[in-house]
C-alpha cells in the first residue's frame, strides 16, 4: 500500500468515525428486531442467538451490543456518547450490568423488608 503516513492517519480517523455511526445504526436496528421479536422468525429463541447465528457476532460481541441497546432504551444519550466516542461498547455493557445488578438488589431488598 503506497500511502503517506498523514493520509493513512486521516483515512483511519474517518473510518473510525464511520464505524461509530454504523454501530449506533446497528444498535437501533437490533432494538427494532428485538421489539418485533423477529429473531423468532429465523428460528432463534433469543436476540443473542440471532446475533451469533445470523449476524456472525461472537457471543461476547453480541452480548455487548444487546447490553448497549438496553441501556440506550433507558438512557437515550448513550447512543450519542457512543457515536461521539466518549463511551465504547465495553463501558456501556458494564454500566448496563451494574444497573441490572442494582435493580435486582433493590428488588431483593424490597422483598426482604416485607
N, C-alpha and C. Protein backbone atom coordinates (compact mmCIF):
# COMPACT_ATOMS: atom_id res chain seq x y z
N UNK A 1 0.85 -1.16 0.00
CA UNK A 1 0.00 0.00 0.00
C UNK A 1 0.90 1.23 0.00
N UNK A 2 0.80 2.04 -1.02
CA UNK A 2 1.57 3.27 -1.14
C UNK A 2 0.70 4.44 -0.72
N UNK A 3 0.86 4.87 0.51
CA UNK A 3 0.09 5.99 1.02
C UNK A 3 0.95 6.67 2.09
N UNK A 4 0.89 7.96 2.13
CA UNK A 4 1.71 8.68 3.10
C UNK A 4 1.19 8.43 4.52
N UNK A 5 2.03 8.64 5.46
CA UNK A 5 1.66 8.47 6.87
C UNK A 5 0.49 9.38 7.22
N UNK A 6 0.55 10.61 6.80
CA UNK A 6 -0.52 11.57 7.08
C UNK A 6 -1.84 11.11 6.47
N UNK A 7 -1.82 10.70 5.20
CA UNK A 7 -3.05 10.26 4.54
C UNK A 7 -3.61 8.99 5.18
N UNK A 8 -2.73 8.09 5.54
CA UNK A 8 -3.17 6.87 6.21
C UNK A 8 -3.85 7.20 7.53
N UNK A 9 -3.24 8.10 8.28
CA UNK A 9 -3.82 8.52 9.57
C UNK A 9 -5.18 9.18 9.35
N UNK A 10 -5.31 10.05 8.38
CA UNK A 10 -6.57 10.73 8.10
C UNK A 10 -7.65 9.73 7.69
N UNK A 11 -7.28 8.76 6.89
CA UNK A 11 -8.25 7.75 6.45
C UNK A 11 -8.75 6.90 7.62
N UNK A 12 -7.83 6.50 8.50
CA UNK A 12 -8.27 5.68 9.64
C UNK A 12 -9.16 6.49 10.57
N UNK A 13 -8.88 7.77 10.73
CA UNK A 13 -9.76 8.62 11.55
C UNK A 13 -11.17 8.66 10.98
N UNK A 14 -11.28 8.80 9.66
CA UNK A 14 -12.59 8.82 9.01
C UNK A 14 -13.31 7.48 9.16
N UNK A 15 -12.55 6.40 9.01
CA UNK A 15 -13.15 5.07 9.14
C UNK A 15 -13.65 4.82 10.56
N UNK A 16 -12.89 5.23 11.55
CA UNK A 16 -13.31 5.04 12.94
C UNK A 16 -14.57 5.86 13.22
N UNK A 17 -14.64 7.06 12.69
CA UNK A 17 -15.83 7.88 12.85
C UNK A 17 -17.04 7.20 12.20
N UNK A 18 -16.85 6.68 11.01
CA UNK A 18 -17.93 5.97 10.32
C UNK A 18 -18.35 4.72 11.09
N UNK A 19 -17.37 4.02 11.65
CA UNK A 19 -17.65 2.81 12.43
C UNK A 19 -18.56 3.12 13.61
N UNK A 20 -18.32 4.24 14.29
CA UNK A 20 -19.15 4.61 15.44
C UNK A 20 -20.57 4.91 15.01
N UNK A 21 -20.73 5.59 13.87
CA UNK A 21 -22.07 5.88 13.35
C UNK A 21 -22.78 4.61 12.95
N UNK A 22 -22.06 3.71 12.33
CA UNK A 22 -22.64 2.43 11.93
C UNK A 22 -23.06 1.62 13.16
N UNK A 23 -22.24 1.64 14.20
CA UNK A 23 -22.58 0.93 15.43
C UNK A 23 -23.89 1.43 16.01
N UNK A 24 -24.08 2.73 16.03
CA UNK A 24 -25.33 3.29 16.54
C UNK A 24 -26.51 2.83 15.68
N UNK A 25 -26.32 2.78 14.37
CA UNK A 25 -27.38 2.30 13.47
C UNK A 25 -27.66 0.82 13.72
N UNK A 26 -26.62 0.03 13.94
CA UNK A 26 -26.79 -1.40 14.24
C UNK A 26 -27.59 -1.56 15.53
N UNK A 27 -27.25 -0.79 16.56
CA UNK A 27 -27.98 -0.88 17.83
C UNK A 27 -29.45 -0.53 17.63
N UNK A 28 -29.71 0.48 16.84
CA UNK A 28 -31.09 0.87 16.55
C UNK A 28 -31.85 -0.25 15.84
N UNK A 29 -31.20 -0.88 14.87
CA UNK A 29 -31.84 -1.99 14.16
C UNK A 29 -32.05 -3.18 15.07
N UNK A 30 -31.07 -3.48 15.90
CA UNK A 30 -31.23 -4.60 16.84
C UNK A 30 -32.37 -4.34 17.81
N UNK A 31 -32.51 -3.09 18.22
CA UNK A 31 -33.61 -2.73 19.12
C UNK A 31 -34.95 -3.02 18.45
N UNK A 32 -35.08 -2.67 17.18
CA UNK A 32 -36.34 -2.90 16.46
C UNK A 32 -36.56 -4.40 16.22
N UNK A 33 -35.50 -5.11 15.89
CA UNK A 33 -35.61 -6.56 15.72
C UNK A 33 -36.08 -7.20 17.02
N UNK A 34 -35.53 -6.73 18.13
CA UNK A 34 -35.92 -7.26 19.43
C UNK A 34 -37.37 -6.89 19.76
N UNK A 35 -37.74 -5.64 19.49
CA UNK A 35 -39.11 -5.19 19.77
C UNK A 35 -40.12 -6.03 19.01
N UNK A 36 -39.82 -6.32 17.76
CA UNK A 36 -40.74 -7.12 16.92
C UNK A 36 -40.58 -8.62 17.13
N UNK A 37 -39.58 -9.01 17.90
CA UNK A 37 -39.27 -10.43 18.13
C UNK A 37 -39.00 -11.15 16.81
N UNK A 38 -38.34 -10.46 15.89
CA UNK A 38 -38.06 -11.03 14.57
C UNK A 38 -37.10 -12.20 14.62
N UNK A 39 -36.32 -12.29 15.68
CA UNK A 39 -35.40 -13.42 15.81
C UNK A 39 -36.15 -14.74 15.84
N UNK A 40 -37.41 -14.71 16.29
CA UNK A 40 -38.22 -15.93 16.30
C UNK A 40 -38.50 -16.42 14.88
N UNK A 41 -38.68 -15.49 13.95
CA UNK A 41 -38.95 -15.85 12.55
C UNK A 41 -37.75 -16.56 11.91
N UNK A 42 -36.58 -16.38 12.49
CA UNK A 42 -35.38 -17.02 11.97
C UNK A 42 -35.02 -18.26 12.78
N UNK A 43 -35.94 -18.68 13.65
CA UNK A 43 -35.75 -19.91 14.39
C UNK A 43 -34.88 -19.80 15.63
N UNK A 44 -34.75 -18.60 16.16
CA UNK A 44 -33.93 -18.40 17.36
C UNK A 44 -34.82 -17.96 18.51
N UNK A 45 -34.52 -18.47 19.70
CA UNK A 45 -35.35 -18.12 20.85
C UNK A 45 -34.86 -16.89 21.60
N UNK A 46 -33.82 -16.25 21.10
CA UNK A 46 -33.33 -15.03 21.75
C UNK A 46 -32.61 -14.14 20.74
N UNK A 47 -32.53 -12.86 21.09
CA UNK A 47 -31.79 -11.93 20.26
C UNK A 47 -30.30 -12.29 20.24
N UNK A 48 -29.80 -12.76 21.36
CA UNK A 48 -28.39 -13.16 21.43
C UNK A 48 -28.09 -14.26 20.42
N UNK A 49 -28.92 -15.28 20.37
CA UNK A 49 -28.69 -16.38 19.42
C UNK A 49 -28.81 -15.88 17.98
N UNK A 50 -29.74 -14.97 17.73
CA UNK A 50 -29.88 -14.38 16.40
C UNK A 50 -28.59 -13.66 16.01
N UNK A 51 -28.06 -12.87 16.92
CA UNK A 51 -26.83 -12.11 16.64
C UNK A 51 -25.65 -13.02 16.35
N UNK A 52 -25.58 -14.14 17.05
CA UNK A 52 -24.47 -15.07 16.86
C UNK A 52 -24.66 -15.87 15.57
N UNK A 53 -25.83 -16.48 15.42
CA UNK A 53 -26.06 -17.39 14.29
C UNK A 53 -26.31 -16.68 12.96
N UNK A 54 -27.07 -15.59 13.00
CA UNK A 54 -27.44 -14.92 11.76
C UNK A 54 -26.47 -13.80 11.37
N UNK A 55 -25.96 -13.09 12.39
CA UNK A 55 -25.12 -11.94 12.09
C UNK A 55 -23.63 -12.23 12.20
N UNK A 56 -23.31 -13.38 12.80
CA UNK A 56 -21.92 -13.81 12.86
C UNK A 56 -21.09 -13.17 13.96
N UNK A 57 -21.74 -12.54 14.94
CA UNK A 57 -21.00 -11.99 16.07
C UNK A 57 -20.58 -13.11 17.01
N UNK A 58 -19.48 -12.91 17.70
CA UNK A 58 -19.13 -13.82 18.79
C UNK A 58 -20.17 -13.58 19.90
N UNK A 59 -20.27 -14.51 20.82
CA UNK A 59 -21.23 -14.33 21.92
C UNK A 59 -20.93 -13.07 22.72
N UNK A 60 -19.65 -12.82 22.97
CA UNK A 60 -19.30 -11.64 23.77
C UNK A 60 -19.61 -10.35 23.01
N UNK A 61 -19.36 -10.32 21.71
CA UNK A 61 -19.67 -9.13 20.91
C UNK A 61 -21.18 -8.91 20.85
N UNK A 62 -21.95 -9.97 20.68
CA UNK A 62 -23.40 -9.86 20.65
C UNK A 62 -23.92 -9.39 22.01
N UNK A 63 -23.37 -9.94 23.08
CA UNK A 63 -23.77 -9.58 24.44
C UNK A 63 -23.57 -8.09 24.68
N UNK A 64 -22.40 -7.57 24.28
CA UNK A 64 -22.12 -6.14 24.48
C UNK A 64 -23.10 -5.27 23.71
N UNK A 65 -23.44 -5.65 22.50
CA UNK A 65 -24.38 -4.87 21.71
C UNK A 65 -25.79 -4.90 22.31
N UNK A 66 -26.19 -6.03 22.79
CA UNK A 66 -27.51 -6.15 23.42
C UNK A 66 -27.57 -5.32 24.70
N UNK A 67 -26.51 -5.38 25.49
CA UNK A 67 -26.45 -4.57 26.71
C UNK A 67 -26.51 -3.09 26.34
N UNK A 68 -25.80 -2.69 25.30
CA UNK A 68 -25.79 -1.29 24.87
C UNK A 68 -27.17 -0.84 24.40
N UNK A 69 -27.86 -1.67 23.65
CA UNK A 69 -29.18 -1.27 23.18
C UNK A 69 -30.15 -1.17 24.34
N UNK A 70 -30.02 -2.03 25.34
CA UNK A 70 -30.92 -1.96 26.50
C UNK A 70 -30.67 -0.69 27.32
N UNK A 71 -29.41 -0.35 27.50
CA UNK A 71 -29.12 0.87 28.24
C UNK A 71 -29.57 2.09 27.45
N UNK A 72 -29.40 2.07 26.14
CA UNK A 72 -29.80 3.23 25.33
C UNK A 72 -31.32 3.41 25.32
N UNK A 73 -32.07 2.35 25.61
CA UNK A 73 -33.52 2.48 25.73
C UNK A 73 -33.89 3.30 26.97
N UNK A 74 -33.10 3.13 28.03
CA UNK A 74 -33.35 3.83 29.29
C UNK A 74 -32.68 5.20 29.31
N UNK A 75 -31.50 5.26 28.72
CA UNK A 75 -30.70 6.49 28.70
C UNK A 75 -30.39 6.80 27.23
N UNK A 76 -31.27 7.53 26.54
CA UNK A 76 -31.08 7.78 25.11
C UNK A 76 -29.74 8.47 24.76
N UNK A 77 -29.16 9.18 25.70
CA UNK A 77 -27.90 9.87 25.44
C UNK A 77 -26.75 8.91 25.20
N UNK A 78 -26.93 7.65 25.54
CA UNK A 78 -25.88 6.65 25.36
C UNK A 78 -25.51 6.53 23.88
N UNK A 79 -26.49 6.51 23.01
CA UNK A 79 -26.21 6.38 21.57
C UNK A 79 -25.35 7.54 21.08
N UNK A 80 -25.66 8.74 21.52
CA UNK A 80 -24.87 9.90 21.12
C UNK A 80 -23.45 9.79 21.68
N UNK A 81 -23.32 9.33 22.91
CA UNK A 81 -21.99 9.19 23.52
C UNK A 81 -21.16 8.14 22.78
N UNK A 82 -21.79 7.07 22.31
CA UNK A 82 -21.08 6.07 21.52
C UNK A 82 -20.62 6.68 20.20
N UNK A 83 -21.52 7.40 19.55
CA UNK A 83 -21.19 8.00 18.26
C UNK A 83 -20.07 9.03 18.40
N UNK A 84 -20.08 9.77 19.50
CA UNK A 84 -19.03 10.78 19.74
C UNK A 84 -17.72 10.15 20.18
N UNK A 85 -17.79 8.90 20.67
CA UNK A 85 -16.58 8.23 21.12
C UNK A 85 -16.28 8.42 22.59
N UNK A 86 -17.19 9.05 23.33
CA UNK A 86 -16.95 9.23 24.76
C UNK A 86 -17.31 7.97 25.55
N UNK A 87 -18.05 7.06 24.94
CA UNK A 87 -18.33 5.73 25.51
C UNK A 87 -18.08 4.68 24.45
N UNK A 88 -17.60 3.52 24.89
CA UNK A 88 -17.47 2.40 23.97
C UNK A 88 -18.37 1.26 24.43
N UNK A 89 -18.46 0.22 23.63
CA UNK A 89 -19.38 -0.88 23.94
C UNK A 89 -19.07 -1.55 25.27
N UNK A 90 -17.80 -1.74 25.57
CA UNK A 90 -17.43 -2.39 26.83
C UNK A 90 -17.89 -1.57 28.02
N UNK A 91 -17.69 -0.27 27.95
CA UNK A 91 -18.12 0.61 29.04
C UNK A 91 -19.64 0.58 29.20
N UNK A 92 -20.34 0.63 28.09
CA UNK A 92 -21.80 0.64 28.13
C UNK A 92 -22.33 -0.69 28.67
N UNK A 93 -21.75 -1.79 28.23
CA UNK A 93 -22.19 -3.11 28.70
C UNK A 93 -21.95 -3.25 30.19
N UNK A 94 -20.81 -2.76 30.66
CA UNK A 94 -20.51 -2.81 32.09
C UNK A 94 -21.51 -1.97 32.87
N UNK A 95 -21.80 -0.78 32.37
CA UNK A 95 -22.77 0.09 33.04
C UNK A 95 -24.15 -0.57 33.10
N UNK A 96 -24.57 -1.17 32.00
CA UNK A 96 -25.88 -1.83 31.97
C UNK A 96 -25.91 -2.99 32.96
N UNK A 97 -24.84 -3.75 33.05
CA UNK A 97 -24.78 -4.85 34.01
C UNK A 97 -24.89 -4.34 35.44
N UNK A 98 -24.22 -3.22 35.72
CA UNK A 98 -24.29 -2.63 37.06
C UNK A 98 -25.70 -2.13 37.36
N UNK A 99 -26.36 -1.51 36.38
CA UNK A 99 -27.74 -1.07 36.57
C UNK A 99 -28.66 -2.25 36.84
N UNK A 100 -28.48 -3.32 36.08
CA UNK A 100 -29.29 -4.52 36.28
C UNK A 100 -29.06 -5.10 37.67
N UNK A 101 -27.81 -5.14 38.11
CA UNK A 101 -27.48 -5.67 39.43
C UNK A 101 -28.11 -4.81 40.51
N UNK A 102 -28.02 -3.49 40.36
CA UNK A 102 -28.60 -2.57 41.34
C UNK A 102 -30.10 -2.75 41.39
N UNK A 103 -30.73 -2.88 40.24
CA UNK A 103 -32.17 -3.10 40.20
C UNK A 103 -32.55 -4.40 40.89
N UNK A 104 -31.78 -5.44 40.63
CA UNK A 104 -32.04 -6.73 41.27
C UNK A 104 -31.84 -6.63 42.79
N UNK A 105 -30.79 -5.95 43.19
CA UNK A 105 -30.54 -5.75 44.62
C UNK A 105 -31.66 -4.97 45.28
N UNK A 106 -32.15 -3.92 44.60
CA UNK A 106 -33.26 -3.13 45.12
C UNK A 106 -34.52 -3.98 45.26
N UNK A 107 -34.78 -4.83 44.28
CA UNK A 107 -35.94 -5.73 44.34
C UNK A 107 -35.81 -6.70 45.51
N UNK A 108 -34.63 -7.26 45.65
CA UNK A 108 -34.40 -8.20 46.74
C UNK A 108 -34.53 -7.52 48.09
N UNK A 109 -34.05 -6.29 48.20
CA UNK A 109 -34.15 -5.55 49.45
C UNK A 109 -35.61 -5.27 49.79
N UNK A 110 -36.39 -4.89 48.78
CA UNK A 110 -37.81 -4.64 48.99
C UNK A 110 -38.55 -5.90 49.41
N UNK A 111 -38.15 -7.04 48.87
CA UNK A 111 -38.77 -8.30 49.22
C UNK A 111 -38.45 -8.67 50.67
N UNK A 112 -37.21 -8.44 51.09
CA UNK A 112 -36.79 -8.76 52.45
C UNK A 112 -37.49 -7.90 53.48
N UNK A 113 -37.86 -6.66 53.10
CA UNK A 113 -38.49 -5.74 54.03
C UNK A 113 -39.95 -6.07 54.29
N UNK A 114 -40.52 -6.93 53.50
CA UNK A 114 -41.95 -7.27 53.65
C UNK A 114 -42.20 -8.07 54.86
